[in-house]
PDB file of N, CA and C in Angstrom:
ATOM      1  N   UNK A   1      15.059 -15.661  -9.074  1.00  0.00           N
ATOM      2  CA  UNK A   1      14.875 -14.112  -9.297  1.00  0.00           C
ATOM      3  C   UNK A   1      16.482 -13.663  -8.888  1.00  0.00           C
ATOM      4  N   UNK A   2      16.826 -12.751  -9.537  1.00  0.00           N
ATOM      5  CA  UNK A   2      17.974 -12.301  -9.097  1.00  0.00           C
ATOM      6  C   UNK A   2      18.116 -11.371  -7.857  1.00  0.00           C
ATOM      7  N   UNK A   3      19.500 -11.382  -7.261  1.00  0.00           N
ATOM      8  CA  UNK A   3      19.564 -10.726  -5.902  1.00  0.00           C
ATOM      9  C   UNK A   3      19.247  -9.444  -6.187  1.00  0.00           C
ATOM     10  N   UNK A   4      19.920  -8.625  -7.428  1.00  0.00           N
ATOM     11  CA  UNK A   4      19.464  -7.515  -7.515  1.00  0.00           C
ATOM     12  C   UNK A   4      17.822  -7.072  -7.865  1.00  0.00           C
ATOM     13  N   UNK A   5      17.049  -7.675  -8.270  1.00  0.00           N
ATOM     14  CA  UNK A   5      15.625  -7.644  -8.067  1.00  0.00           C
ATOM     15  C   UNK A   5      14.933  -7.800  -6.730  1.00  0.00           C
ATOM     16  N   UNK A   6      15.519  -8.737  -6.037  1.00  0.00           N
ATOM     17  CA  UNK A   6      15.043  -8.904  -4.563  1.00  0.00           C
ATOM     18  C   UNK A   6      15.367  -7.464  -3.959  1.00  0.00           C
ATOM     19  N   UNK A   7      16.614  -6.915  -3.988  1.00  0.00           N
ATOM     20  CA  UNK A   7      16.728  -5.873  -3.231  1.00  0.00           C
ATOM     21  C   UNK A   7      15.832  -4.567  -3.639  1.00  0.00           C
ATOM     22  N   UNK A   8      15.629  -4.428  -4.861  1.00  0.00           N
ATOM     23  CA  UNK A   8      14.755  -3.494  -5.700  1.00  0.00           C
ATOM     24  C   UNK A   8      13.284  -3.598  -5.193  1.00  0.00           C
ATOM     25  N   UNK A   9      12.824  -4.745  -5.054  1.00  0.00           N
ATOM     26  CA  UNK A   9      11.728  -4.895  -4.717  1.00  0.00           C
ATOM     27  C   UNK A   9      11.594  -4.756  -3.105  1.00  0.00           C
ATOM     28  N   UNK A  10      12.700  -5.682  -2.169  1.00  0.00           N
ATOM     29  CA  UNK A  10      12.704  -5.078  -0.815  1.00  0.00           C
ATOM     30  C   UNK A  10      12.678  -3.827  -0.212  1.00  0.00           C
ATOM     31  N   UNK A  11      13.531  -2.914  -1.265  1.00  0.00           N
ATOM     32  CA  UNK A  11      13.307  -1.506  -0.630  1.00  0.00           C
ATOM     33  C   UNK A  11      11.814  -0.737  -1.062  1.00  0.00           C
ATOM     34  N   UNK A  12      11.418  -1.347  -2.382  1.00  0.00           N
ATOM     35  CA  UNK A  12       9.813  -0.650  -2.308  1.00  0.00           C
ATOM     36  C   UNK A  12       9.066  -1.478  -1.286  1.00  0.00           C
ATOM     37  N   UNK A  13       9.240  -2.211  -0.837  1.00  0.00           N
ATOM     38  CA  UNK A  13       8.178  -2.907   0.384  1.00  0.00           C
ATOM     39  C   UNK A  13       8.580  -1.935   1.514  1.00  0.00           C
ATOM     40  N   UNK A  14       9.914  -1.603   1.585  1.00  0.00           N
ATOM     41  CA  UNK A  14      10.197  -0.856   2.792  1.00  0.00           C
ATOM     42  C   UNK A  14       9.818   0.593   2.606  1.00  0.00           C
ATOM     43  N   UNK A  15       9.699   1.126   1.495  1.00  0.00           N
ATOM     44  CA  UNK A  15       9.267   2.458   1.318  1.00  0.00           C
ATOM     45  C   UNK A  15       7.588   2.396   1.505  1.00  0.00           C
ATOM     46  N   UNK A  16       7.149   1.463   0.860  1.00  0.00           N
ATOM     47  CA  UNK A  16       5.378   1.467   1.435  1.00  0.00           C
ATOM     48  C   UNK A  16       5.191   1.283   2.856  1.00  0.00           C
ATOM     49  N   UNK A  17       6.060   0.570   3.462  1.00  0.00           N
ATOM     50  CA  UNK A  17       5.844   0.418   4.834  1.00  0.00           C
ATOM     51  C   UNK A  17       5.947   1.688   5.558  1.00  0.00           C
ATOM     52  N   UNK A  18       7.015   2.395   5.077  1.00  0.00           N
ATOM     53  CA  UNK A  18       7.352   3.835   5.763  1.00  0.00           C
ATOM     54  C   UNK A  18       6.497   4.764   5.472  1.00  0.00           C
ATOM     55  N   UNK A  19       5.962   4.710   4.426  1.00  0.00           N
ATOM     56  CA  UNK A  19       4.821   5.483   3.834  1.00  0.00           C
ATOM     57  C   UNK A  19       3.636   5.357   4.578  1.00  0.00           C
ATOM     58  N   UNK A  20       3.200   4.180   4.916  1.00  0.00           N
ATOM     59  CA  UNK A  20       2.109   4.079   5.632  1.00  0.00           C
ATOM     60  C   UNK A  20       1.946   4.303   7.124  1.00  0.00           C
ATOM     61  N   UNK A  21       3.412   4.125   7.717  1.00  0.00           N
ATOM     62  CA  UNK A  21       3.561   4.442   9.033  1.00  0.00           C
ATOM     63  C   UNK A  21       3.532   6.054   9.089  1.00  0.00           C
ATOM     64  N   UNK A  22       4.182   6.702   8.262  1.00  0.00           N
ATOM     65  CA  UNK A  22       4.330   8.164   8.298  1.00  0.00           C
ATOM     66  C   UNK A  22       2.991   8.742   8.018  1.00  0.00           C
ATOM     67  N   UNK A  23       2.154   8.264   7.293  1.00  0.00           N
ATOM     68  CA  UNK A  23       0.692   9.057   7.034  1.00  0.00           C
ATOM     69  C   UNK A  23      -0.026   8.660   8.322  1.00  0.00           C
ATOM     70  N   UNK A  24      -0.252   7.431   9.064  1.00  0.00           N
ATOM     71  CA  UNK A  24      -0.764   7.075   9.945  1.00  0.00           C
ATOM     72  C   UNK A  24      -0.514   7.612  11.211  1.00  0.00           C
ATOM     73  N   UNK A  25       0.803   7.401  11.606  1.00  0.00           N
ATOM     74  CA  UNK A  25       1.274   7.530  13.155  1.00  0.00           C
ATOM     75  C   UNK A  25       1.887   8.796  13.038  1.00  0.00           C
ATOM     76  N   UNK A  26       2.078   9.614  12.071  1.00  0.00           N
ATOM     77  CA  UNK A  26       2.855  10.498  12.440  1.00  0.00           C
ATOM     78  C   UNK A  26       1.992  11.792  11.458  1.00  0.00           C
ATOM     79  N   UNK A  27       0.849  11.425  11.278  1.00  0.00           N
ATOM     80  CA  UNK A  27      -0.277  12.292  10.912  1.00  0.00           C
ATOM     81  C   UNK A  27       0.144  13.187   9.735  1.00  0.00           C
ATOM     82  N   UNK A  28       0.787  12.835   8.702  1.00  0.00           N
ATOM     83  CA  UNK A  28       1.139  13.297   7.575  1.00  0.00           C
ATOM     84  C   UNK A  28       0.352  13.138   6.333  1.00  0.00           C
ATOM     85  N   UNK A  29      -1.007  13.471   6.408  1.00  0.00           N
ATOM     86  CA  UNK A  29      -1.976  13.116   5.474  1.00  0.00           C
ATOM     87  C   UNK A  29      -1.592  13.909   4.263  1.00  0.00           C
ATOM     88  N   UNK A  30      -0.828  14.815   4.136  1.00  0.00           N
ATOM     89  CA  UNK A  30      -0.473  15.345   2.903  1.00  0.00           C
ATOM     90  C   UNK A  30       0.329  14.897   1.751  1.00  0.00           C
ATOM     91  N   UNK A  31       0.937  13.549   2.527  1.00  0.00           N
ATOM     92  CA  UNK A  31       1.724  12.491   1.532  1.00  0.00           C
ATOM     93  C   UNK A  31       0.588  11.805   0.763  1.00  0.00           C
ATOM     94  N   UNK A  32      -0.539  11.679   1.027  1.00  0.00           N
ATOM     95  CA  UNK A  32      -1.531  10.721   0.067  1.00  0.00           C
ATOM     96  C   UNK A  32      -1.789  11.900  -1.123  1.00  0.00           C
ATOM     97  N   UNK A  33      -1.596  11.287  -2.282  1.00  0.00           N
ATOM     98  CA  UNK A  33      -1.645  11.963  -3.657  1.00  0.00           C
ATOM     99  C   UNK A  33      -3.073  12.390  -3.785  1.00  0.00           C
ATOM    100  N   UNK A  34      -3.207  13.790  -4.027  1.00  0.00           N
ATOM    101  CA  UNK A  34      -4.358  14.299  -4.462  1.00  0.00           C
ATOM    102  C   UNK A  34      -5.370  14.752  -3.323  1.00  0.00           C
ATOM    103  N   UNK A  35      -4.723  14.786  -1.973  1.00  0.00           N
ATOM    104  CA  UNK A  35      -5.272  15.246  -1.019  1.00  0.00           C
ATOM    105  C   UNK A  35      -4.448  16.389  -0.289  1.00  0.00           C
ATOM    106  N   UNK A  36      -5.463  17.653   0.065  1.00  0.00           N
ATOM    107  CA  UNK A  36      -5.090  18.521   0.611  1.00  0.00           C
ATOM    108  C   UNK A  36      -5.323  18.685   2.077  1.00  0.00           C
ATOM    109  N   UNK A  37      -4.266  18.684   2.988  1.00  0.00           N
ATOM    110  CA  UNK A  37      -4.862  18.767   4.467  1.00  0.00           C
ATOM    111  C   UNK A  37      -5.488  19.728   4.721  1.00  0.00           C
ATOM    112  N   UNK A  38      -6.487  18.979   5.692  1.00  0.00           N
ATOM    113  CA  UNK A  38      -7.815  20.499   6.157  1.00  0.00           C
ATOM    114  C   UNK A  38      -9.013  20.259   5.291  1.00  0.00           C
ATOM    115  N   UNK A  39      -8.866  19.478   4.277  1.00  0.00           N
ATOM    116  CA  UNK A  39     -10.090  19.456   3.269  1.00  0.00           C
ATOM    117  C   UNK A  39     -11.292  18.841   3.940  1.00  0.00           C
ATOM    118  N   UNK A  40     -10.935  17.944   4.565  1.00  0.00           N
ATOM    119  CA  UNK A  40     -11.968  16.885   5.501  1.00  0.00           C
ATOM    120  C   UNK A  40     -11.762  17.548   7.052  1.00  0.00           C
ATOM    121  N   UNK A  41     -13.138  17.043   7.600  1.00  0.00           N
ATOM    122  CA  UNK A  41     -13.201  17.214   9.251  1.00  0.00           C
ATOM    123  C   UNK A  41     -12.235  16.416   9.794  1.00  0.00           C
ATOM    124  N   UNK A  42     -11.562  16.709  10.752  1.00  0.00           N
ATOM    125  CA  UNK A  42     -10.519  15.673  11.633  1.00  0.00           C
ATOM    126  C   UNK A  42     -10.729  14.337  11.509  1.00  0.00           C
ATOM    127  N   UNK A  43     -12.138  14.061  11.839  1.00  0.00           N
ATOM    128  CA  UNK A  43     -12.338  12.760  12.089  1.00  0.00           C
ATOM    129  C   UNK A  43     -12.374  12.100  11.021  1.00  0.00           C
ATOM    130  N   UNK A  44     -12.642  12.345   9.862  1.00  0.00           N
ATOM    131  CA  UNK A  44     -12.647  12.034   8.360  1.00  0.00           C
ATOM    132  C   UNK A  44     -11.439  11.916   7.929  1.00  0.00           C
ATOM    133  N   UNK A  45     -10.408  13.090   8.217  1.00  0.00           N
ATOM    134  CA  UNK A  45      -9.008  12.905   8.269  1.00  0.00           C
ATOM    135  C   UNK A  45      -8.253  11.666   8.585  1.00  0.00           C
ATOM    136  N   UNK A  46      -8.534  11.518   9.867  1.00  0.00           N
ATOM    137  CA  UNK A  46      -8.163  10.544  10.655  1.00  0.00           C
ATOM    138  C   UNK A  46      -8.336   8.981   9.740  1.00  0.00           C
ATOM    139  N   UNK A  47      -9.912   9.098   9.500  1.00  0.00           N
ATOM    140  CA  UNK A  47     -10.152   7.763   8.808  1.00  0.00           C
ATOM    141  C   UNK A  47      -9.469   7.452   7.454  1.00  0.00           C
ATOM    142  N   UNK A  48      -9.029   8.758   6.660  1.00  0.00           N
ATOM    143  CA  UNK A  48      -8.576   8.499   5.341  1.00  0.00           C
ATOM    144  C   UNK A  48      -7.327   7.938   5.619  1.00  0.00           C
ATOM    145  N   UNK A  49      -6.321   8.882   6.782  1.00  0.00           N
ATOM    146  CA  UNK A  49      -5.070   8.124   6.948  1.00  0.00           C
ATOM    147  C   UNK A  49      -5.021   6.799   7.279  1.00  0.00           C
ATOM    148  N   UNK A  50      -5.783   6.280   8.302  1.00  0.00           N
ATOM    149  CA  UNK A  50      -5.910   4.841   8.581  1.00  0.00           C
ATOM    150  C   UNK A  50      -6.110   4.112   7.264  1.00  0.00           C
ATOM    151  N   UNK A  51      -7.088   4.588   6.447  1.00  0.00           N
ATOM    152  CA  UNK A  51      -7.251   3.630   5.276  1.00  0.00           C
ATOM    153  C   UNK A  51      -5.980   3.694   4.246  1.00  0.00           C
ATOM    154  N   UNK A  52      -5.641   4.647   4.068  1.00  0.00           N
ATOM    155  CA  UNK A  52      -4.517   4.916   3.134  1.00  0.00           C
ATOM    156  C   UNK A  52      -3.458   4.187   3.655  1.00  0.00           C
ATOM    157  N   UNK A  53      -3.035   4.182   4.969  1.00  0.00           N
ATOM    158  CA  UNK A  53      -1.886   3.692   5.492  1.00  0.00           C
ATOM    159  C   UNK A  53      -2.298   1.863   5.457  1.00  0.00           C
ATOM    160  N   UNK A  54      -3.559   1.451   5.450  1.00  0.00           N
ATOM    161  CA  UNK A  54      -3.809   0.125   5.504  1.00  0.00           C
ATOM    162  C   UNK A  54      -3.430  -0.330   3.946  1.00  0.00           C
ATOM    163  N   UNK A  55      -3.713   0.435   3.077  1.00  0.00           N
ATOM    164  CA  UNK A  55      -3.188   0.107   1.699  1.00  0.00           C
ATOM    165  C   UNK A  55      -2.001   0.123   1.513  1.00  0.00           C
ATOM    166  N   UNK A  56      -1.156   0.958   1.875  1.00  0.00           N
ATOM    167  CA  UNK A  56       0.252   1.204   1.748  1.00  0.00           C
ATOM    168  C   UNK A  56       0.996  -0.315   2.516  1.00  0.00           C
ATOM    169  N   UNK A  57       0.340  -0.716   3.668  1.00  0.00           N
ATOM    170  CA  UNK A  57       0.801  -1.923   4.555  1.00  0.00           C
ATOM    171  C   UNK A  57       0.657  -3.128   3.711  1.00  0.00           C
ATOM    172  N   UNK A  58      -0.800  -3.116   2.857  1.00  0.00           N
ATOM    173  CA  UNK A  58      -0.947  -4.637   2.458  1.00  0.00           C
ATOM    174  C   UNK A  58       0.039  -4.429   0.826  1.00  0.00           C
ATOM    175  N   UNK A  59       0.207  -3.319   0.450  1.00  0.00           N
ATOM    176  CA  UNK A  59       1.166  -3.387  -0.528  1.00  0.00           C
ATOM    177  C   UNK A  59       2.379  -3.703  -0.268  1.00  0.00           C
ATOM    178  N   UNK A  60       3.049  -3.304   0.944  1.00  0.00           N
ATOM    179  CA  UNK A  60       4.272  -3.881   1.270  1.00  0.00           C
ATOM    180  C   UNK A  60       4.068  -5.420   1.474  1.00  0.00           C
ATOM    181  N   UNK A  61       3.124  -5.863   2.117  1.00  0.00           N
ATOM    182  CA  UNK A  61       2.927  -7.231   2.663  1.00  0.00           C
ATOM    183  C   UNK A  61       2.755  -7.944   1.175  1.00  0.00           C
ATOM    184  N   UNK A  62       2.002  -7.426   0.213  1.00  0.00           N
ATOM    185  CA  UNK A  62       2.208  -8.380  -1.064  1.00  0.00           C
ATOM    186  C   UNK A  62       3.170  -8.108  -2.202  1.00  0.00           C
ATOM    187  N   UNK A  63       4.434  -7.202  -1.688  1.00  0.00           N
ATOM    188  CA  UNK A  63       5.704  -7.164  -2.411  1.00  0.00           C
ATOM    189  C   UNK A  63       6.540  -8.365  -1.667  1.00  0.00           C
ATOM    190  N   UNK A  64       6.402  -8.277  -0.484  1.00  0.00           N
ATOM    191  CA  UNK A  64       7.212  -9.101   0.223  1.00  0.00           C
ATOM    192  C   UNK A  64       6.947 -10.688  -0.264  1.00  0.00           C
ATOM    193  N   UNK A  65       5.627 -10.859  -0.438  1.00  0.00           N
ATOM    194  CA  UNK A  65       5.008 -12.293  -0.937  1.00  0.00           C
ATOM    195  C   UNK A  65       5.570 -12.461  -2.015  1.00  0.00           C
ATOM    196  N   UNK A  66       5.440 -11.473  -3.193  1.00  0.00           N
ATOM    197  CA  UNK A  66       5.981 -11.685  -4.539  1.00  0.00           C
ATOM    198  C   UNK A  66       7.719 -12.061  -4.402  1.00  0.00           C
ATOM    199  N   UNK A  67       8.250 -11.489  -3.604  1.00  0.00           N
ATOM    200  CA  UNK A  67       9.888 -12.015  -3.401  1.00  0.00           C
ATOM    201  C   UNK A  67       9.701 -13.476  -3.203  1.00  0.00           C
ATOM    202  N   UNK A  68       8.969 -13.802  -2.268  1.00  0.00           N
ATOM    203  CA  UNK A  68       8.953 -15.375  -1.645  1.00  0.00           C
ATOM    204  C   UNK A  68       8.635 -16.051  -2.771  1.00  0.00           C
ATOM    205  N   UNK A  69       7.459 -15.496  -3.423  1.00  0.00           N
ATOM    206  CA  UNK A  69       6.744 -16.318  -4.780  1.00  0.00           C
ATOM    207  C   UNK A  69       7.804 -16.499  -5.535  1.00  0.00           C
ATOM    208  N   UNK A  70       8.571 -15.658  -6.006  1.00  0.00           N
ATOM    209  CA  UNK A  70       9.569 -15.506  -7.194  1.00  0.00           C
ATOM    210  C   UNK A  70      10.943 -16.635  -6.864  1.00  0.00           C
ATOM    211  N   UNK A  71      10.995 -16.698  -5.460  1.00  0.00           N
ATOM    212  CA  UNK A  71      12.417 -17.469  -4.973  1.00  0.00           C
ATOM    213  C   UNK A  71      11.733 -18.989  -5.019  1.00  0.00           C
ATOM    214  N   UNK A  72      10.604 -19.325  -4.474  1.00  0.00           N
ATOM    215  CA  UNK A  72      10.121 -20.534  -4.467  1.00  0.00           C
ATOM    216  C   UNK A  72       9.220 -21.076  -5.487  1.00  0.00           C
ATOM    217  N   UNK A  73       8.604 -20.136  -5.888  1.00  0.00           N
ATOM    218  CA  UNK A  73       7.174 -20.492  -7.232  1.00  0.00           C
ATOM    219  C   UNK A  73       6.049 -21.476  -6.505  1.00  0.00           C
ATOM    220  N   UNK A  74       5.711 -21.276  -5.051  1.00  0.00           N
ATOM    221  CA  UNK A  74       4.784 -22.391  -4.816  1.00  0.00           C
ATOM    222  C   UNK A  74       3.178 -21.980  -5.057  1.00  0.00           C
ATOM    223  N   UNK A  75       2.845 -20.695  -5.687  1.00  0.00           N
ATOM    224  CA  UNK A  75       1.432 -20.688  -5.985  1.00  0.00           C
ATOM    225  C   UNK A  75       1.133 -20.259  -7.139  1.00  0.00           C
ATOM    226  N   UNK A  76       0.402 -20.949  -7.917  1.00  0.00           N
ATOM    227  CA  UNK A  76       0.155 -20.899  -9.437  1.00  0.00           C
ATOM    228  C   UNK A  76      -1.046 -19.551  -9.262  1.00  0.00           C
ATOM    229  N   UNK A  77      -0.886 -18.745 -10.151  1.00  0.00           N
ATOM    230  CA  UNK A  77      -1.635 -17.725 -10.299  1.00  0.00           C
ATOM    231  C   UNK A  77      -1.627 -16.320  -9.246  1.00  0.00           C
ATOM    232  N   UNK A  78      -0.434 -16.655  -8.857  1.00  0.00           N
ATOM    233  CA  UNK A  78      -0.129 -15.366  -7.879  1.00  0.00           C
ATOM    234  C   UNK A  78      -0.459 -14.117  -8.253  1.00  0.00           C
ATOM    235  N   UNK A  79       0.132 -13.912  -9.498  1.00  0.00           N
ATOM    236  CA  UNK A  79       0.520 -12.551  -9.992  1.00  0.00           C
ATOM    237  C   UNK A  79      -1.084 -11.810 -10.352  1.00  0.00           C
ATOM    238  N   UNK A  80      -2.018 -12.811 -10.753  1.00  0.00           N
ATOM    239  CA  UNK A  80      -3.577 -12.460 -10.939  1.00  0.00           C
ATOM    240  C   UNK A  80      -3.932 -11.757  -9.357  1.00  0.00           C
ATOM    241  N   UNK A  81      -3.927 -12.732  -8.408  1.00  0.00           N
ATOM    242  CA  UNK A  81      -4.225 -12.517  -7.251  1.00  0.00           C
ATOM    243  C   UNK A  81      -3.948 -11.031  -6.729  1.00  0.00           C
ATOM    244  N   UNK A  82      -2.369 -10.976  -7.048  1.00  0.00           N
ATOM    245  CA  UNK A  82      -1.685  -9.756  -6.468  1.00  0.00           C
ATOM    246  C   UNK A  82      -2.156  -8.443  -6.997  1.00  0.00           C
ATOM    247  N   UNK A  83      -2.433  -8.638  -8.399  1.00  0.00           N
ATOM    248  CA  UNK A  83      -3.086  -7.625  -9.161  1.00  0.00           C
ATOM    249  C   UNK A  83      -4.307  -7.067  -8.543  1.00  0.00           C
ATOM    250  N   UNK A  84      -5.150  -8.280  -8.483  1.00  0.00           N
ATOM    251  CA  UNK A  84      -6.763  -8.049  -7.933  1.00  0.00           C
ATOM    252  C   UNK A  84      -6.378  -7.451  -6.746  1.00  0.00           C
ATOM    253  N   UNK A  85      -6.016  -8.008  -5.825  1.00  0.00           N
ATOM    254  CA  UNK A  85      -6.308  -7.381  -4.287  1.00  0.00           C
ATOM    255  C   UNK A  85      -5.631  -5.768  -4.303  1.00  0.00           C
ATOM    256  N   UNK A  86      -4.730  -5.595  -4.999  1.00  0.00           N
ATOM    257  CA  UNK A  86      -4.207  -4.052  -5.178  1.00  0.00           C
ATOM    258  C   UNK A  86      -5.223  -3.245  -5.615  1.00  0.00           C
ATOM    259  N   UNK A  87      -5.682  -3.775  -6.788  1.00  0.00           N
ATOM    260  CA  UNK A  87      -6.769  -2.870  -7.591  1.00  0.00           C
ATOM    261  C   UNK A  87      -8.016  -2.711  -6.612  1.00  0.00           C
ATOM    262  N   UNK A  88      -8.499  -3.639  -5.855  1.00  0.00           N
ATOM    263  CA  UNK A  88      -9.696  -3.832  -5.091  1.00  0.00           C
ATOM    264  C   UNK A  88      -9.345  -2.520  -3.943  1.00  0.00           C
ATOM    265  N   UNK A  89      -8.143  -3.020  -3.091  1.00  0.00           N
ATOM    266  CA  UNK A  89      -8.007  -1.700  -2.183  1.00  0.00           C
ATOM    267  C   UNK A  89      -8.075  -0.584  -2.551  1.00  0.00           C
ATOM    268  N   UNK A  90      -7.337  -0.378  -3.798  1.00  0.00           N
ATOM    269  CA  UNK A  90      -7.098   1.090  -4.082  1.00  0.00           C
ATOM    270  C   UNK A  90      -8.422   1.657  -4.609  1.00  0.00           C
ATOM    271  N   UNK A  91      -9.137   0.801  -5.088  1.00  0.00           N
ATOM    272  CA  UNK A  91     -10.763   1.238  -5.740  1.00  0.00           C
ATOM    273  C   UNK A  91     -11.740   1.558  -4.579  1.00  0.00           C
ATOM    274  N   UNK A  92     -11.508   0.505  -3.614  1.00  0.00           N
ATOM    275  CA  UNK A  92     -12.154   0.938  -2.488  1.00  0.00           C
ATOM    276  C   UNK A  92     -11.912   2.225  -1.717  1.00  0.00           C
ATOM    277  N   UNK A  93     -10.818   2.587  -1.580  1.00  0.00           N
ATOM    278  CA  UNK A  93     -10.461   3.620  -0.865  1.00  0.00           C
ATOM    279  C   UNK A  93     -10.702   5.000  -1.975  1.00  0.00           C
ATOM    280  N   UNK A  94     -10.628   5.019  -3.314  1.00  0.00           N
ATOM    281  CA  UNK A  94     -11.065   5.931  -4.249  1.00  0.00           C
ATOM    282  C   UNK A  94     -12.311   5.905  -4.170  1.00  0.00           C
ATOM    283  N   UNK A  95     -13.355   4.964  -4.105  1.00  0.00           N
ATOM    284  CA  UNK A  95     -14.769   5.188  -3.998  1.00  0.00           C
ATOM    285  C   UNK A  95     -15.280   5.570  -2.520  1.00  0.00           C
ATOM    286  N   UNK A  96     -14.837   5.331  -1.482  1.00  0.00           N
ATOM    287  CA  UNK A  96     -15.316   5.682  -0.434  1.00  0.00           C
ATOM    288  C   UNK A  96     -14.951   7.247  -0.347  1.00  0.00           C
ATOM    289  N   UNK A  97     -14.041   7.735  -0.591  1.00  0.00           N
ATOM    290  CA  UNK A  97     -13.670   9.277  -0.383  1.00  0.00           C
ATOM    291  C   UNK A  97     -13.859  10.049  -1.560  1.00  0.00           C
ATOM    292  N   UNK A  98     -14.389   9.401  -2.507  1.00  0.00           N
ATOM    293  CA  UNK A  98     -14.599  10.461  -3.556  1.00  0.00           C
ATOM    294  C   UNK A  98     -16.191  10.161  -4.081  1.00  0.00           C
ATOM    295  N   UNK A  99     -17.171   9.344  -3.581  1.00  0.00           N
ATOM    296  CA  UNK A  99     -18.304   8.850  -3.884  1.00  0.00           C
ATOM    297  C   UNK A  99     -19.276   9.888  -3.253  1.00  0.00           C
TER     298      UNK A  99
END
């Protein structure tokens, strides 16, 4: 993996981590795509912020794992698991709050 790709992926992981932090700990739920602040009661809005930040933190961790994977190549089938975990987490949040 080239150094430039590592920098791009690393900055993407940093943005995901920062987004998760801002959504959860700075209570900026307006950054969640498709959600208008105040549409849910405060307790549900806090749960939505917690769940959305978890997804972004996991995405950041998976991106960092992808960097390690590409530099060392230790795990066969990594990308299938990577994609599956992201789809599962995102689908779970969509199902939980739109069901």
